[in-house]
Protein backbone atom coordinates (compact mmCIF):
# COMPACT_ATOMS: atom_id res chain seq x y z
CA MET A 1 -22.02 -4.72 -4.00
CA PHE A 2 -18.85 -3.08 -2.72
CA ALA A 3 -17.06 -6.44 -2.60
CA SER A 4 -17.73 -7.05 -6.29
CA VAL A 5 -16.62 -3.53 -7.25
CA ARG A 6 -13.50 -3.85 -5.12
CA SER A 7 -12.69 -7.16 -6.80
CA ALA A 8 -13.06 -5.57 -10.24
CA VAL A 9 -10.83 -2.67 -9.26
CA LEU A 10 -8.14 -4.94 -7.87
CA GLY A 11 -8.27 -6.97 -11.06
CA SER A 12 -7.89 -3.82 -13.14
CA LEU A 13 -4.98 -2.60 -11.04
CA PHE A 14 -3.34 -6.02 -11.30
CA CYS A 15 -3.54 -5.73 -15.08
CA ALA A 16 -1.84 -2.36 -14.80
CA PHE A 17 1.27 -4.23 -13.60
CA ALA A 18 0.87 -7.56 -15.43
CA TRP A 19 2.63 -8.59 -18.60
CA SER A 20 -0.28 -10.71 -19.78
CA CYS A 21 -3.16 -8.23 -19.69
CA THR A 22 -2.52 -6.30 -22.89
CA PRO A 23 -5.97 -6.22 -24.55
CA ASN A 24 -6.60 -8.05 -27.78
CA SER A 25 -10.33 -7.58 -28.07
CA PRO A 26 -12.19 -7.23 -31.38
CA ALA A 27 -12.87 -3.60 -30.51
CA THR A 28 -9.18 -2.92 -30.03
CA SER A 29 -8.34 -4.65 -33.29
CA ALA A 30 -11.03 -2.69 -35.05
CA ALA A 31 -9.44 0.49 -33.75
CA GLY A 32 -6.25 -0.56 -35.48
CA SER A 33 -3.91 -2.25 -33.03
CA THR A 34 -2.82 -5.06 -35.31
CA GLN A 35 -4.55 -5.18 -38.65
CA GLY A 36 -6.42 -3.36 -41.39
CA GLY A 37 -5.86 -0.14 -43.31
CA ALA A 38 -6.75 3.32 -42.09
CA ALA A 39 -10.44 4.11 -41.99
CA PRO A 40 -11.63 6.83 -44.38
CA GLY A 41 -10.78 10.22 -42.87
CA ALA A 42 -8.81 8.69 -39.98
CA LEU A 43 -5.78 10.63 -38.76
CA VAL A 44 -3.95 7.52 -37.57
CA PRO A 45 -3.29 4.40 -39.69
CA ALA A 46 -4.75 1.12 -38.50
CA GLN A 47 -1.55 -0.91 -38.85
CA ARG A 48 1.04 -0.47 -36.13
CA ASP A 49 3.99 -0.31 -38.56
CA ALA A 50 2.23 2.50 -40.40
CA ARG A 51 1.65 4.37 -37.13
CA VAL A 52 5.35 4.09 -36.33
CA ALA A 53 6.21 5.32 -39.83
CA LEU A 54 3.80 8.24 -39.49
CA GLY A 55 6.16 10.04 -37.12
CA MET A 56 9.40 9.39 -39.01
CA PRO A 57 9.37 12.25 -41.58
CA TYR A 58 9.14 14.92 -38.87
CA LYS A 59 11.94 16.42 -36.79
CA SER A 60 9.72 17.22 -33.82
CA ALA A 61 6.31 16.50 -32.38
CA ALA A 62 5.41 20.11 -33.17
CA GLU A 63 5.85 19.33 -36.89
CA LEU A 64 3.78 16.14 -36.62
CA TYR A 65 1.06 18.01 -34.71
CA ALA A 66 0.93 20.72 -37.40
CA ALA A 67 0.66 18.06 -40.13
CA LEU A 68 -2.19 16.27 -38.32
CA LYS A 69 -3.99 19.57 -37.76
CA MET A 70 -3.69 20.42 -41.43
CA ARG A 71 -4.99 16.95 -42.36
CA ALA A 72 -7.95 17.56 -40.03
CA GLY A 73 -8.72 20.87 -41.71
CA GLY A 74 -7.71 22.78 -38.61
CA GLY A 75 -9.98 20.77 -36.35
CA ALA A 76 -13.40 21.89 -35.12
CA PRO A 77 -14.48 23.28 -31.76
CA LEU A 78 -16.64 21.10 -29.55
CA SER A 79 -20.17 22.10 -28.64
CA LEU A 80 -21.99 21.24 -25.42
CA ASP A 81 -24.43 19.19 -27.50
CA ASP A 82 -21.82 17.00 -29.19
CA MET A 83 -19.01 16.03 -26.84
CA PRO A 84 -17.43 12.59 -26.40
CA ASP A 85 -18.48 10.72 -23.27
CA TRP A 86 -15.32 9.97 -21.29
CA THR A 87 -17.05 9.92 -17.92
CA GLY A 88 -16.26 7.33 -15.28
CA LEU A 89 -13.06 6.09 -13.69
CA TRP A 90 -10.27 4.53 -15.74
CA THR A 91 -7.05 2.60 -15.21
CA ARG A 92 -4.05 2.08 -17.46
CA VAL A 93 -3.54 -1.45 -18.81
CA GLY A 94 -0.07 -2.89 -19.30
CA PRO A 95 3.25 -3.64 -17.59
CA PRO A 96 5.18 -1.03 -15.58
CA LEU A 97 7.02 0.24 -18.66
CA PHE A 98 6.33 3.18 -20.95
CA ASP A 99 5.83 0.86 -23.93
CA PRO A 100 3.17 -1.76 -23.09
CA GLU A 101 4.34 -3.88 -26.04
CA GLN A 102 7.97 -4.07 -24.97
CA LYS A 103 9.14 -7.67 -24.93
CA ARG A 104 10.07 -9.33 -21.66
CA GLY A 105 13.82 -9.10 -21.15
CA GLU A 106 14.21 -6.34 -23.75
CA LEU A 107 16.23 -3.37 -22.47
CA THR A 108 13.91 -0.86 -24.16
CA SER A 109 11.97 -0.50 -27.38
CA ALA A 110 13.21 3.09 -27.77
CA LYS A 111 16.06 3.83 -30.19
CA LEU A 112 18.50 5.60 -27.87
CA LYS A 113 21.64 7.61 -28.46
CA PRO A 114 24.84 6.11 -26.98
CA ALA A 115 24.97 8.13 -23.74
CA PRO A 116 21.36 7.53 -22.61
CA LEU A 117 21.65 3.90 -23.72
CA ALA A 118 24.73 3.43 -21.54
CA ASP A 119 22.95 5.16 -18.65
CA LEU A 120 19.97 2.82 -18.95
CA GLN A 121 22.21 -0.25 -19.10
CA HIS A 122 24.05 0.93 -15.99
CA ARG A 123 20.84 1.56 -14.09
CA LYS A 124 19.53 -1.89 -15.03
CA GLU A 125 22.74 -3.47 -13.75
CA LEU A 126 22.44 -1.59 -10.47
CA SER A 127 18.75 -2.54 -10.22
CA ALA A 128 19.68 -6.21 -10.52
CA GLN A 129 21.92 -5.67 -7.48
CA GLY A 130 19.08 -4.04 -5.52
CA VAL A 131 20.39 -0.49 -6.06
CA GLU A 132 17.51 1.46 -7.50
CA TYR A 133 16.13 4.93 -7.00
CA ASP A 134 12.91 6.37 -8.37
CA PRO A 135 11.98 10.07 -8.07
CA LEU A 136 8.50 8.93 -7.00
CA SER A 137 10.11 7.49 -3.87
CA ASN A 138 10.52 10.98 -2.44
CA CYS A 139 7.06 12.13 -3.58
CA SER A 140 8.28 13.92 -6.70
CA PRO A 141 5.63 14.16 -9.47
CA PRO A 142 5.77 11.48 -12.19
CA GLY A 143 5.91 14.20 -14.84
CA PHE A 144 5.03 13.93 -18.51
CA PRO A 145 5.21 11.67 -20.47
CA ARG A 146 5.45 9.20 -17.56
CA TRP A 147 1.95 10.34 -16.61
CA LEU A 148 0.66 8.20 -19.48
CA ALA A 149 2.01 4.94 -18.00
CA ILE A 150 1.56 5.26 -14.23
CA PRO A 151 -1.10 3.10 -12.51
CA PHE A 152 -3.99 4.02 -10.16
CA LEU A 153 -7.34 5.58 -10.97
CA ARG A 154 -7.87 8.30 -13.57
CA GLU A 155 -10.65 10.62 -14.60
CA PHE A 156 -11.03 12.48 -17.91
CA ILE A 157 -13.20 15.61 -18.00
CA VAL A 158 -14.06 17.06 -21.41
CA THR A 159 -15.30 20.63 -21.90
CA PRO A 160 -15.51 22.64 -25.13
CA ASP A 161 -12.42 24.76 -24.41
CA GLN A 162 -10.31 22.52 -22.16
CA THR A 163 -9.87 18.83 -21.33
CA PHE A 164 -8.72 17.85 -17.83
CA LEU A 165 -6.78 14.61 -17.38
CA PHE A 166 -6.59 13.55 -13.72
CA SER A 167 -4.63 10.79 -12.02
CA GLU A 168 -4.65 10.22 -8.29
CA THR A 169 -0.93 9.37 -8.30
CA MET A 170 0.77 12.34 -6.61
CA ASN A 171 -2.43 14.34 -7.23
CA ASN A 172 -1.37 15.24 -10.75
CA LEU A 173 -3.47 17.04 -13.33
CA ARG A 174 -2.92 17.76 -17.01
CA ARG A 175 -4.81 20.64 -18.56
CA VAL A 176 -5.19 20.56 -22.36
CA TYR A 177 -6.28 23.83 -23.97
CA THR A 178 -8.48 23.28 -27.03
CA ASP A 179 -9.67 26.88 -27.45
CA GLY A 180 -7.24 27.70 -30.25
CA ARG A 181 -4.44 29.19 -28.16
CA ASP A 182 -0.80 28.37 -28.87
CA HIS A 183 1.98 27.49 -26.41
CA PRO A 184 3.59 30.37 -24.47
CA SER A 185 6.25 32.29 -26.37
CA ALA A 186 9.84 31.15 -26.05
CA ALA A 187 10.52 34.16 -23.84
CA ASP A 188 7.82 33.06 -21.37
CA ALA A 189 8.31 29.28 -21.55
CA TYR A 190 10.06 27.32 -18.81
CA PRO A 191 10.17 23.61 -17.86
CA LEU A 192 7.12 22.20 -16.06
CA TYR A 193 6.59 18.70 -14.67
CA TYR A 194 3.66 18.13 -17.03
CA GLY A 195 4.68 20.57 -19.69
CA ASP A 196 2.28 22.80 -21.57
CA SER A 197 -0.45 21.06 -23.59
CA ILE A 198 -2.59 22.38 -26.42
CA GLY A 199 -4.90 20.39 -28.67
CA PHE A 200 -7.67 20.25 -31.22
CA TRP A 201 -10.69 18.07 -31.87
CA THR A 202 -11.59 16.34 -35.12
CA GLY A 203 -14.91 14.62 -34.58
CA LYS A 204 -14.55 12.83 -31.26
CA THR A 205 -10.77 12.44 -31.61
CA LEU A 206 -8.51 14.61 -29.46
CA VAL A 207 -5.01 15.48 -30.69
CA ILE A 208 -2.58 16.92 -28.13
CA HIS A 209 0.84 18.51 -28.39
CA THR A 210 2.92 18.81 -25.21
CA SER A 211 6.22 20.64 -24.84
CA GLN A 212 8.10 22.62 -22.17
CA VAL A 213 8.74 19.60 -19.91
CA THR A 214 11.05 19.02 -16.97
CA ALA A 215 13.63 16.28 -17.60
CA GLY A 216 12.85 12.90 -16.04
CA ILE A 217 12.45 9.19 -16.70
CA PHE A 218 9.80 7.46 -18.82
CA HIS A 219 9.24 4.87 -16.06
CA ARG A 220 11.17 3.21 -13.26
CA ASN A 221 13.03 0.83 -15.61
CA ASP A 222 12.93 3.04 -18.68
CA PRO A 223 15.26 5.62 -20.28
CA GLN A 224 15.70 9.19 -19.19
CA TYR A 225 14.47 12.12 -21.28
CA SER A 226 15.58 15.73 -21.54
CA GLU A 227 13.87 19.12 -21.49
CA GLN A 228 13.94 19.05 -25.31
CA LEU A 229 11.20 16.39 -25.36
CA ASP A 230 7.89 17.07 -27.01
CA ALA A 231 5.09 14.65 -27.84
CA VAL A 232 1.88 14.15 -29.79
CA GLU A 233 -1.04 12.11 -28.46
CA VAL A 234 -4.15 11.03 -30.38
CA TRP A 235 -6.99 10.04 -28.02
CA ASN A 236 -9.94 7.90 -29.17
CA LYS A 237 -12.67 6.02 -27.36
CA ALA A 238 -12.60 2.63 -29.09
CA ASP A 239 -15.62 1.22 -27.25
CA PRO A 240 -17.62 2.07 -24.10
CA GLU A 241 -14.92 0.59 -21.86
CA THR A 242 -11.71 1.40 -23.77
CA ILE A 243 -9.79 4.59 -24.55
CA LEU A 244 -6.74 4.24 -26.81
CA VAL A 245 -3.95 6.81 -26.98
CA ASP A 246 -1.38 6.76 -29.78
CA VAL A 247 1.79 8.56 -28.68
CA TRP A 248 4.83 9.83 -30.60
CA VAL A 249 7.67 11.10 -28.43
CA TYR A 250 10.55 13.18 -29.82
CA ASP A 251 13.72 14.09 -27.91
CA PRO A 252 16.76 15.17 -29.93
CA ASP A 253 19.00 14.79 -26.86
CA THR A 254 18.21 11.14 -26.13
CA LEU A 255 16.33 9.51 -29.03
CA LEU A 256 17.64 8.53 -32.46
CA GLU A 257 14.09 8.49 -33.82
CA PRO A 258 10.55 9.15 -32.57
CA TRP A 259 9.36 6.63 -29.99
CA TYR A 260 5.86 5.40 -30.82
CA VAL A 261 3.75 3.64 -28.17
CA ARG A 262 0.06 2.96 -27.65
CA GLN A 263 -1.48 3.37 -24.19
CA THR A 264 -4.77 1.71 -23.23
CA TYR A 265 -7.15 2.80 -20.48
CA LYS A 266 -10.00 0.57 -19.34
CA GLN A 267 -13.07 1.83 -17.52
CA VAL A 268 -13.30 0.58 -13.93
CA PRO A 269 -16.73 -0.82 -12.96
CA ASN A 270 -18.40 1.48 -10.44
CA PRO A 271 -22.13 0.69 -10.49
CA ASP A 272 -22.91 2.01 -7.01
CA LYS A 273 -20.66 5.10 -7.39
CA TYR A 274 -18.72 4.07 -4.29
CA LEU A 275 -15.30 4.62 -5.82
CA ARG A 276 -13.83 8.11 -5.92
CA ILE A 277 -10.59 9.66 -7.08
CA ASN A 278 -8.47 10.01 -3.94
CA TYR A 279 -6.05 12.89 -3.63
CA TRP A 280 -3.22 10.59 -2.68
CA TYR A 281 0.10 11.99 -1.49
CA CYS A 282 2.84 9.69 -0.24
CA GLY A 283 4.05 12.25 2.32
CA GLU A 284 0.78 12.32 4.29
CA ASN A 285 2.07 9.53 6.52
CA PRO A 286 5.52 10.37 7.97
CA ASN A 287 6.31 6.64 7.96
CA ASN A 288 6.20 6.76 4.15
CA THR A 289 9.12 9.18 3.97
CA VAL A 290 11.81 7.72 1.71
CA VAL A 291 15.37 8.99 1.46
CA GLU A 292 18.22 8.27 -0.92
CA THR A 293 21.19 6.58 0.72
CA GLY A 294 24.83 7.22 -0.03
CA ALA A 295 24.93 3.96 -1.98
CA GLY A 296 22.19 5.16 -4.29
CA THR A 297 19.44 2.98 -2.85
CA SER A 298 16.23 4.21 -1.24
CA GLN A 299 15.31 3.62 2.38
CA PHE A 300 12.54 4.65 4.75
CA GLY A 301 13.27 7.57 7.06
CA ASP A 302 12.90 7.37 10.83
CA PHE A 303 9.72 5.56 11.84
CA THR A 304 7.40 7.25 14.32
CA PHE A 305 5.38 4.39 15.77
CA THR A 306 4.78 3.82 19.46
CA ASP A 307 7.65 3.29 21.92
CA LYS A 308 6.88 -0.43 21.96
CA ASP A 309 7.17 -0.66 18.21
CA ASP A 310 10.37 1.36 18.25
CA LYS A 311 11.94 -1.29 20.44
């Protein structure tokens, strides 16, 4: 039994890095990935071009979030008797880029301002020469919004007042408050790796607004973002094995316009309950220690194997 589960997990994790595993199932299409108009009462249009256009009139994700909340009549609190079932373990599907639909060879699908565009081009040139550094190499947290695109197992825990979004990568956790509270006041706000997230429910759809982030990169080969970033996510369970997340990212320092992407999470088969979320930390093994060299590359630190191995 374990062998079959392990095979399924490896296949899912392979898809997390593969260019050819973007889903195109009838359920995904029905949820609006490629065709059809918006369903009656739906917050998000079915056609991708319309979803991209949805974010354009707004100057920030906060404005888009307020508009969606108004359209949803303010949302409605969840009850213990009527909560979406997001149980199980999940893995992200798509290539190691923030936008799963980015074309092979394309620099980025984001519309960047000149300075961040030049930075990305320079980093890509260095990467082609083998000079590449990723904050994850020294065990730094992925941060948000990169959290949405990192691989490895995930778990989503829904409660009436909060939703917890776990990933075993760097032991990170996102906490989304859905009890009606607002973000901290400007006087009390400061940058956090995963920002501050509030949300509301409309039916079994979760809408999240995240702000107050620490600057970082969208993914290893993606643009950088600033502390001015904020984002809206709309989470829906399209079928028993698929959760779709529509994302609009705003950053006045780096982006010319909102960056829309759709993330897909597939449930990992776990019939015998053998799999668990591991609290993985790359610094547990001293031989995993990675340092940045003077040339800008990354290299392992001193190994601590046996004397024989050291020779």
